[in-house]
Amino acid sequence: MNMKTNDYVKYVTEQFVAYVDQPVEERKAKKEEKRKAKLPPSNRLFGLIPFAISQTFRKRKLD
């Protein structure tokens, strides 16, 4: 992607103005929604291995 500096500055400015124009409640709601959609840190850092281990131990607890 080859953007000229002027195009990049224009894009960043547009994004900033769009963000500032949003009501505070809408910004907070988006931030909260984004936070809830995030995976737990152990899964983000190490993938499915922590999930698999936790499922194994849960299964043994239930048996």
PDB file of N, CA and C in Angstrom:
ATOM      1  N   MET A   1       0.853  -1.173   0.000  1.00  0.00           N
ATOM      2  CA  MET A   1       0.000   0.000   0.000  1.00  0.00           C
ATOM      3  C   MET A   1       0.896   1.231   0.000  1.00  0.00           C
ATOM      4  N   ASN A   2       0.852   1.956  -1.071  1.00  0.00           N
ATOM      5  CA  ASN A   2       1.681   3.135  -1.226  1.00  0.00           C
ATOM      6  C   ASN A   2       0.848   4.392  -1.041  1.00  0.00           C
ATOM      7  N   MET A   3       0.843   4.917   0.151  1.00  0.00           N
ATOM      8  CA  MET A   3       0.120   6.159   0.415  1.00  0.00           C
ATOM      9  C   MET A   3       1.125   7.292   0.487  1.00  0.00           C
ATOM     10  N   LYS A   4       0.776   8.366  -0.122  1.00  0.00           N
ATOM     11  CA  LYS A   4       1.620   9.542   0.025  1.00  0.00           C
ATOM     12  C   LYS A   4       1.386  10.115   1.413  1.00  0.00           C
ATOM     13  N   THR A   5       2.330  10.866   1.887  1.00  0.00           N
ATOM     14  CA  THR A   5       2.245  11.429   3.232  1.00  0.00           C
ATOM     15  C   THR A   5       1.003  12.289   3.383  1.00  0.00           C
ATOM     16  N   ASN A   6       0.693  13.062   2.379  1.00  0.00           N
ATOM     17  CA  ASN A   6      -0.470  13.947   2.441  1.00  0.00           C
ATOM     18  C   ASN A   6      -1.767  13.140   2.573  1.00  0.00           C
ATOM     19  N   ASP A   7      -1.866  12.034   1.849  1.00  0.00           N
ATOM     20  CA  ASP A   7      -3.044  11.176   1.931  1.00  0.00           C
ATOM     21  C   ASP A   7      -3.180  10.565   3.324  1.00  0.00           C
ATOM     22  N   TYR A   8      -2.055  10.162   3.872  1.00  0.00           N
ATOM     23  CA  TYR A   8      -2.053   9.565   5.203  1.00  0.00           C
ATOM     24  C   TYR A   8      -2.501  10.570   6.264  1.00  0.00           C
ATOM     25  N   VAL A   9      -1.980  11.775   6.184  1.00  0.00           N
ATOM     26  CA  VAL A   9      -2.363  12.828   7.137  1.00  0.00           C
ATOM     27  C   VAL A   9      -3.850  13.123   7.001  1.00  0.00           C
ATOM     28  N   LYS A  10      -4.350  13.160   5.790  1.00  0.00           N
ATOM     29  CA  LYS A  10      -5.778  13.405   5.558  1.00  0.00           C
ATOM     30  C   LYS A  10      -6.625  12.285   6.184  1.00  0.00           C
ATOM     31  N   TYR A  11      -6.217  11.032   5.994  1.00  0.00           N
ATOM     32  CA  TYR A  11      -6.941   9.895   6.551  1.00  0.00           C
ATOM     33  C   TYR A  11      -6.955   9.945   8.076  1.00  0.00           C
ATOM     34  N   VAL A  12      -5.804  10.176   8.683  1.00  0.00           N
ATOM     35  CA  VAL A  12      -5.712  10.235  10.137  1.00  0.00           C
ATOM     36  C   VAL A  12      -6.566  11.377  10.675  1.00  0.00           C
ATOM     37  N   THR A  13      -6.541  12.507  10.013  1.00  0.00           N
ATOM     38  CA  THR A  13      -7.348  13.659  10.440  1.00  0.00           C
ATOM     39  C   THR A  13      -8.836  13.337  10.363  1.00  0.00           C
ATOM     40  N   GLU A  14      -9.251  12.681   9.289  1.00  0.00           N
ATOM     41  CA  GLU A  14     -10.668  12.304   9.147  1.00  0.00           C
ATOM     42  C   GLU A  14     -11.090  11.355  10.256  1.00  0.00           C
ATOM     43  N   GLN A  15     -10.247  10.378  10.561  1.00  0.00           N
ATOM     44  CA  GLN A  15     -10.561   9.429  11.626  1.00  0.00           C
ATOM     45  C   GLN A  15     -10.653  10.123  12.978  1.00  0.00           C
ATOM     46  N   PHE A  16      -9.754  11.034  13.233  1.00  0.00           N
ATOM     47  CA  PHE A  16      -9.753  11.770  14.498  1.00  0.00           C
ATOM     48  C   PHE A  16     -11.002  12.630  14.631  1.00  0.00           C
ATOM     49  N   VAL A  17     -11.367  13.335  13.569  1.00  0.00           N
ATOM     50  CA  VAL A  17     -12.558  14.195  13.608  1.00  0.00           C
ATOM     51  C   VAL A  17     -13.812  13.350  13.797  1.00  0.00           C
ATOM     52  N   ALA A  18     -13.881  12.200  13.142  1.00  0.00           N
ATOM     53  CA  ALA A  18     -15.039  11.312  13.301  1.00  0.00           C
ATOM     54  C   ALA A  18     -15.135  10.826  14.741  1.00  0.00           C
ATOM     55  N   TYR A  19     -14.002  10.521  15.347  1.00  0.00           N
ATOM     56  CA  TYR A  19     -13.983  10.063  16.744  1.00  0.00           C
ATOM     57  C   TYR A  19     -14.428  11.170  17.689  1.00  0.00           C
ATOM     58  N   VAL A  20     -13.926  12.372  17.492  1.00  0.00           N
ATOM     59  CA  VAL A  20     -14.245  13.492  18.379  1.00  0.00           C
ATOM     60  C   VAL A  20     -15.709  13.899  18.239  1.00  0.00           C
ATOM     61  N   ASP A  21     -16.268  13.741  17.041  1.00  0.00           N
ATOM     62  CA  ASP A  21     -17.664  14.119  16.811  1.00  0.00           C
ATOM     63  C   ASP A  21     -18.661  13.152  17.442  1.00  0.00           C
ATOM     64  N   GLN A  22     -18.223  11.950  17.804  1.00  0.00           N
ATOM     65  CA  GLN A  22     -19.129  10.980  18.426  1.00  0.00           C
ATOM     66  C   GLN A  22     -19.479  11.432  19.836  1.00  0.00           C
ATOM     67  N   PRO A  23     -20.709  11.154  20.278  1.00  0.00           N
ATOM     68  CA  PRO A  23     -21.058  11.440  21.671  1.00  0.00           C
ATOM     69  C   PRO A  23     -20.237  10.561  22.626  1.00  0.00           C
ATOM     70  N   VAL A  24     -20.003  11.077  23.814  1.00  0.00           N
ATOM     71  CA  VAL A  24     -19.172  10.370  24.793  1.00  0.00           C
ATOM     72  C   VAL A  24     -19.766   9.003  25.118  1.00  0.00           C
ATOM     73  N   GLU A  25     -21.090   8.917  25.249  1.00  0.00           N
ATOM     74  CA  GLU A  25     -21.724   7.646  25.593  1.00  0.00           C
ATOM     75  C   GLU A  25     -21.461   6.600  24.507  1.00  0.00           C
ATOM     76  N   GLU A  26     -21.517   7.035  23.244  1.00  0.00           N
ATOM     77  CA  GLU A  26     -21.290   6.105  22.138  1.00  0.00           C
ATOM     78  C   GLU A  26     -19.842   5.614  22.147  1.00  0.00           C
ATOM     79  N   ARG A  27     -18.899   6.505  22.443  1.00  0.00           N
ATOM     80  CA  ARG A  27     -17.493   6.112  22.521  1.00  0.00           C
ATOM     81  C   ARG A  27     -17.280   5.098  23.636  1.00  0.00           C
ATOM     82  N   LYS A  28     -17.904   5.359  24.795  1.00  0.00           N
ATOM     83  CA  LYS A  28     -17.759   4.447  25.928  1.00  0.00           C
ATOM     84  C   LYS A  28     -18.374   3.087  25.603  1.00  0.00           C
ATOM     85  N   ALA A  29     -19.537   3.102  24.935  1.00  0.00           N
ATOM     86  CA  ALA A  29     -20.203   1.849  24.581  1.00  0.00           C
ATOM     87  C   ALA A  29     -19.340   1.030  23.620  1.00  0.00           C
ATOM     88  N   LYS A  30     -18.734   1.690  22.627  1.00  0.00           N
ATOM     89  CA  LYS A  30     -17.867   0.986  21.687  1.00  0.00           C
ATOM     90  C   LYS A  30     -16.649   0.407  22.389  1.00  0.00           C
ATOM     91  N   LYS A  31     -16.075   1.181  23.304  1.00  0.00           N
ATOM     92  CA  LYS A  31     -14.896   0.727  24.034  1.00  0.00           C
ATOM     93  C   LYS A  31     -15.232  -0.492  24.890  1.00  0.00           C
ATOM     94  N   GLU A  32     -16.389  -0.449  25.557  1.00  0.00           N
ATOM     95  CA  GLU A  32     -16.820  -1.565  26.397  1.00  0.00           C
ATOM     96  C   GLU A  32     -17.082  -2.811  25.548  1.00  0.00           C
ATOM     97  N   GLU A  33     -17.721  -2.619  24.397  1.00  0.00           N
ATOM     98  CA  GLU A  33     -18.010  -3.736  23.492  1.00  0.00           C
ATOM     99  C   GLU A  33     -16.710  -4.371  22.996  1.00  0.00           C
ATOM    100  N   LYS A  34     -15.737  -3.543  22.665  1.00  0.00           N
ATOM    101  CA  LYS A  34     -14.448  -4.033  22.198  1.00  0.00           C
ATOM    102  C   LYS A  34     -13.730  -4.807  23.310  1.00  0.00           C
ATOM    103  N   ARG A  35     -13.829  -4.308  24.531  1.00  0.00           N
ATOM    104  CA  ARG A  35     -13.182  -4.960  25.670  1.00  0.00           C
ATOM    105  C   ARG A  35     -13.792  -6.329  25.925  1.00  0.00           C
ATOM    106  N   LYS A  36     -15.116  -6.436  25.813  1.00  0.00           N
ATOM    107  CA  LYS A  36     -15.793  -7.711  26.052  1.00  0.00           C
ATOM    108  C   LYS A  36     -15.476  -8.737  24.961  1.00  0.00           C
ATOM    109  N   ALA A  37     -15.213  -8.275  23.750  1.00  0.00           N
ATOM    110  CA  ALA A  37     -14.951  -9.176  22.628  1.00  0.00           C
ATOM    111  C   ALA A  37     -13.536  -9.735  22.656  1.00  0.00           C
ATOM    112  N   LYS A  38     -12.662  -9.165  23.462  1.00  0.00           N
ATOM    113  CA  LYS A  38     -11.276  -9.619  23.526  1.00  0.00           C
ATOM    114  C   LYS A  38     -11.171 -10.991  24.172  1.00  0.00           C
ATOM    115  N   LEU A  39     -10.215 -11.776  23.699  1.00  0.00           N
ATOM    116  CA  LEU A  39      -9.929 -13.072  24.308  1.00  0.00           C
ATOM    117  C   LEU A  39      -9.168 -12.852  25.613  1.00  0.00           C
ATOM    118  N   PRO A  40      -9.225 -13.819  26.520  1.00  0.00           N
ATOM    119  CA  PRO A  40      -8.424 -13.712  27.736  1.00  0.00           C
ATOM    120  C   PRO A  40      -6.937 -13.618  27.392  1.00  0.00           C
ATOM    121  N   PRO A  41      -6.151 -12.962  28.245  1.00  0.00           N
ATOM    122  CA  PRO A  41      -4.723 -12.780  27.930  1.00  0.00           C
ATOM    123  C   PRO A  41      -3.976 -14.094  27.693  1.00  0.00           C
ATOM    124  N   SER A  42      -4.303 -15.131  28.456  1.00  0.00           N
ATOM    125  CA  SER A  42      -3.583 -16.398  28.264  1.00  0.00           C
ATOM    126  C   SER A  42      -3.828 -16.959  26.864  1.00  0.00           C
ATOM    127  N   ASN A  43      -5.035 -16.820  26.355  1.00  0.00           N
ATOM    128  CA  ASN A  43      -5.330 -17.322  25.003  1.00  0.00           C
ATOM    129  C   ASN A  43      -4.694 -16.439  23.931  1.00  0.00           C
ATOM    130  N   ARG A  44      -4.679 -15.129  24.157  1.00  0.00           N
ATOM    131  CA  ARG A  44      -4.063 -14.237  23.175  1.00  0.00           C
ATOM    132  C   ARG A  44      -2.566 -14.490  23.074  1.00  0.00           C
ATOM    133  N   LEU A  45      -1.924 -14.747  24.208  1.00  0.00           N
ATOM    134  CA  LEU A  45      -0.475 -14.910  24.210  1.00  0.00           C
ATOM    135  C   LEU A  45      -0.031 -16.295  23.773  1.00  0.00           C
ATOM    136  N   PHE A  46      -0.792 -17.324  24.161  1.00  0.00           N
ATOM    137  CA  PHE A  46      -0.319 -18.692  23.946  1.00  0.00           C
ATOM    138  C   PHE A  46      -1.246 -19.533  23.076  1.00  0.00           C
ATOM    139  N   GLY A  47      -2.299 -18.982  22.536  1.00  0.00           N
ATOM    140  CA  GLY A  47      -3.179 -19.718  21.640  1.00  0.00           C
ATOM    141  C   GLY A  47      -4.129 -20.651  22.377  1.00  0.00           C
ATOM    142  N   LEU A  48      -4.380 -21.791  21.808  1.00  0.00           N
ATOM    143  CA  LEU A  48      -5.370 -22.724  22.348  1.00  0.00           C
ATOM    144  C   LEU A  48      -4.820 -23.655  23.421  1.00  0.00           C
ATOM    145  N   ILE A  49      -3.539 -23.642  23.643  1.00  0.00           N
ATOM    146  CA  ILE A  49      -2.946 -24.559  24.626  1.00  0.00           C
ATOM    147  C   ILE A  49      -3.548 -24.345  26.022  1.00  0.00           C
ATOM    148  N   PRO A  50      -3.630 -23.112  26.552  1.00  0.00           N
ATOM    149  CA  PRO A  50      -4.236 -22.937  27.878  1.00  0.00           C
ATOM    150  C   PRO A  50      -5.699 -23.385  27.916  1.00  0.00           C
ATOM    151  N   PHE A  51      -6.416 -23.142  26.835  1.00  0.00           N
ATOM    152  CA  PHE A  51      -7.816 -23.563  26.767  1.00  0.00           C
ATOM    153  C   PHE A  51      -7.921 -25.084  26.837  1.00  0.00           C
ATOM    154  N   ALA A  52      -7.089 -25.770  26.091  1.00  0.00           N
ATOM    155  CA  ALA A  52      -7.120 -27.236  26.077  1.00  0.00           C
ATOM    156  C   ALA A  52      -6.782 -27.799  27.452  1.00  0.00           C
ATOM    157  N   ILE A  53      -5.797 -27.214  28.104  1.00  0.00           N
ATOM    158  CA  ILE A  53      -5.413 -27.678  29.436  1.00  0.00           C
ATOM    159  C   ILE A  53      -6.549 -27.453  30.426  1.00  0.00           C
ATOM    160  N   SER A  54      -7.173 -26.279  30.371  1.00  0.00           N
ATOM    161  CA  SER A  54      -8.274 -25.998  31.303  1.00  0.00           C
ATOM    162  C   SER A  54      -9.453 -26.937  31.067  1.00  0.00           C
ATOM    163  N   GLN A  55      -9.740 -27.257  29.809  1.00  0.00           N
ATOM    164  CA  GLN A  55     -10.831 -28.178  29.504  1.00  0.00           C
ATOM    165  C   GLN A  55     -10.521 -29.584  30.022  1.00  0.00           C
ATOM    166  N   THR A  56      -9.272 -29.985  29.951  1.00  0.00           N
ATOM    167  CA  THR A  56      -8.871 -31.302  30.452  1.00  0.00           C
ATOM    168  C   THR A  56      -9.105 -31.378  31.955  1.00  0.00           C
ATOM    169  N   PHE A  57      -8.691 -30.349  32.681  1.00  0.00           N
ATOM    170  CA  PHE A  57      -8.885 -30.360  34.127  1.00  0.00           C
ATOM    171  C   PHE A  57     -10.357 -30.260  34.507  1.00  0.00           C
ATOM    172  N   ARG A  58     -11.129 -29.501  33.762  1.00  0.00           N
ATOM    173  CA  ARG A  58     -12.574 -29.415  34.039  1.00  0.00           C
ATOM    174  C   ARG A  58     -13.238 -30.769  33.838  1.00  0.00           C
ATOM    175  N   LYS A  59     -12.839 -31.442  32.778  1.00  0.00           N
ATOM    176  CA  LYS A  59     -13.428 -32.745  32.478  1.00  0.00           C
ATOM    177  C   LYS A  59     -13.116 -33.738  33.612  1.00  0.00           C
ATOM    178  N   ARG A  60     -11.900 -33.690  34.128  1.00  0.00           N
ATOM    179  CA  ARG A  60     -11.527 -34.587  35.226  1.00  0.00           C
ATOM    180  C   ARG A  60     -12.280 -34.256  36.495  1.00  0.00           C
ATOM    181  N   LYS A  61     -12.570 -32.977  36.742  1.00  0.00           N
ATOM    182  CA  LYS A  61     -13.325 -32.568  37.920  1.00  0.00           C
ATOM    183  C   LYS A  61     -14.745 -33.118  37.867  1.00  0.00           C
ATOM    184  N   LEU A  62     -15.327 -33.091  36.676  1.00  0.00           N
ATOM    185  CA  LEU A  62     -16.710 -33.522  36.521  1.00  0.00           C
ATOM    186  C   LEU A  62     -16.860 -35.032  36.620  1.00  0.00           C
ATOM    187  N   ASP A  63     -15.811 -35.782  36.274  1.00  0.00           N
ATOM    188  CA  ASP A  63     -15.905 -37.252  36.313  1.00  0.00           C
ATOM    189  C   ASP A  63     -15.850 -37.798  37.700  1.00  0.00           C
TER     190      ASP A  63
END
